[in-house]
Amino acid sequence: MSGSIRMPPGSRSDTLPHVPRQRRPSWAEPDPVDELAGRLEEFIAAAVHPDEIAALLESDGMSDDRIREKYGCKDSFSLAEELYERSSAAIPNPRYRPTTPGKSACRAAC
């Protein structure tokens, strides 16, 4: 008898047995907060305060229940703070310029 041990009797030897598609583990799923930050990237970068981002989230109809369920934050304000922190860490302040010796910090920032 030849063929794979896994092949049931009477099956064709020229086809391979069905192998189920492997699922991704839950830790490999993309972070939903990162996905939201990517979609709102321009608005978040222009925001001066996290409350602006919270206002956008609420105007889009995101309830606190949905935010808790999908993003793991307690409300729109905590999600807005998280988004603001992630964007401010990724986007350097365009007004900041390192001071050079002999110049004041105020002149370097202007």
Protein backbone atom coordinates (compact mmCIF):
# COMPACT_ATOMS: atom_id res chain seq x y z
CA MET A 1 0.00 0.00 0.00
CA SER A 2 1.36 3.42 -0.94
CA GLY A 3 0.25 6.95 -0.16
CA SER A 4 -0.17 9.05 2.90
CA ILE A 5 -1.41 7.53 6.12
CA ARG A 6 -3.68 10.55 6.55
CA MET A 7 -5.52 9.96 3.28
CA PRO A 8 -8.83 8.17 3.78
CA PRO A 9 -9.34 4.97 1.80
CA GLY A 10 -10.75 5.52 -1.65
CA SER A 11 -9.50 9.12 -2.02
CA ARG A 12 -7.40 10.09 -5.01
CA SER A 13 -3.67 9.94 -4.48
CA ASP A 14 -2.97 12.95 -6.75
CA THR A 15 -4.65 15.47 -4.42
CA LEU A 16 -3.52 16.54 -1.01
CA PRO A 17 -5.81 16.33 1.98
CA HIS A 18 -7.54 19.56 3.03
CA VAL A 19 -5.49 21.51 5.55
CA PRO A 20 -7.53 24.06 7.49
CA ARG A 21 -6.35 27.66 7.24
CA GLN A 22 -4.57 28.71 10.38
CA ARG A 23 -6.08 31.62 12.27
CA ARG A 24 -4.01 34.47 13.57
CA PRO A 25 -3.58 34.53 17.33
CA SER A 26 -5.40 37.39 19.06
CA TRP A 27 -2.13 39.07 20.02
CA ALA A 28 -1.23 39.35 16.32
CA GLU A 29 -4.36 41.35 15.46
CA PRO A 30 -3.71 45.01 14.68
CA ASP A 31 -4.30 47.45 17.51
CA PRO A 32 -7.68 49.14 16.96
CA VAL A 33 -6.40 52.38 18.50
CA ASP A 34 -3.53 52.40 15.96
CA GLU A 35 -6.01 51.85 13.13
CA LEU A 36 -8.18 54.72 14.36
CA ALA A 37 -5.11 56.94 14.72
CA GLY A 38 -4.19 56.14 11.12
CA ARG A 39 -7.65 57.09 9.86
CA LEU A 40 -7.70 60.34 11.84
CA GLU A 41 -4.01 61.15 11.43
CA GLU A 42 -4.39 64.60 9.86
CA PHE A 43 -7.03 65.77 12.31
CA ILE A 44 -5.09 64.46 15.31
CA ALA A 45 -1.90 66.16 14.11
CA ALA A 46 -3.73 69.48 13.84
CA ALA A 47 -5.37 69.16 17.28
CA VAL A 48 -4.06 71.47 19.98
CA HIS A 49 -5.75 69.62 22.85
CA PRO A 50 -7.19 66.11 23.33
CA ASP A 51 -10.66 67.64 23.84
CA GLU A 52 -10.74 68.48 20.12
CA ILE A 53 -10.25 64.81 19.31
CA ALA A 54 -12.92 63.81 21.86
CA ALA A 55 -15.35 66.22 20.18
CA LEU A 56 -14.66 64.59 16.81
CA LEU A 57 -15.18 61.11 18.22
CA GLU A 58 -18.49 62.11 19.80
CA SER A 59 -19.65 63.92 16.66
CA ASP A 60 -18.99 60.70 14.72
CA GLY A 61 -21.47 58.99 17.03
CA MET A 62 -19.02 56.94 19.08
CA SER A 63 -20.63 56.18 22.42
CA ASP A 64 -18.70 55.41 25.58
CA ASP A 65 -20.02 51.85 25.46
CA ARG A 66 -18.69 51.31 21.95
CA ILE A 67 -15.36 52.90 22.85
CA ARG A 68 -15.03 50.59 25.88
CA GLU A 69 -15.94 47.57 23.78
CA LYS A 70 -13.77 48.24 20.73
CA TYR A 71 -10.83 50.31 21.99
CA GLY A 72 -10.57 49.34 25.67
CA CYS A 73 -10.73 52.93 26.95
CA LYS A 74 -13.28 54.03 29.53
CA ASP A 75 -14.71 56.95 27.50
CA SER A 76 -14.12 59.30 24.57
CA PHE A 77 -11.85 61.56 26.61
CA SER A 78 -9.46 58.78 27.60
CA LEU A 79 -9.37 57.52 24.00
CA ALA A 80 -8.72 61.07 22.79
CA GLU A 81 -5.84 61.43 25.25
CA GLU A 82 -4.37 58.14 24.04
CA LEU A 83 -4.63 59.22 20.40
CA TYR A 84 -3.14 62.63 21.20
CA GLU A 85 -0.19 61.08 23.06
CA ARG A 86 0.50 58.63 20.24
CA SER A 87 0.45 61.36 17.61
CA SER A 88 2.54 63.84 19.58
CA ALA A 89 5.17 61.15 20.10
CA ALA A 90 5.23 60.39 16.36
CA ILE A 91 5.05 63.94 15.04
CA PRO A 92 7.76 66.33 16.22
CA ASN A 93 6.76 69.87 17.13
CA PRO A 94 7.35 71.95 13.96
CA ARG A 95 7.95 75.11 16.00
CA TYR A 96 10.76 73.57 17.99
CA ARG A 97 14.24 74.25 16.79
CA PRO A 98 17.25 73.40 18.88
CA THR A 99 18.97 76.43 20.28
CA THR A 100 22.42 77.27 19.10
CA PRO A 101 25.02 78.71 21.42
CA GLY A 102 24.61 82.48 21.81
CA LYS A 103 20.90 82.56 20.86
CA SER A 104 18.03 82.66 23.30
CA ALA A 105 15.41 79.90 23.27
CA CYS A 106 12.75 82.46 22.32
CA ARG A 107 14.61 83.54 19.18
CA ALA A 108 15.29 79.96 18.14
CA ALA A 109 11.58 79.09 18.34
CA CYS A 110 10.50 82.02 16.17
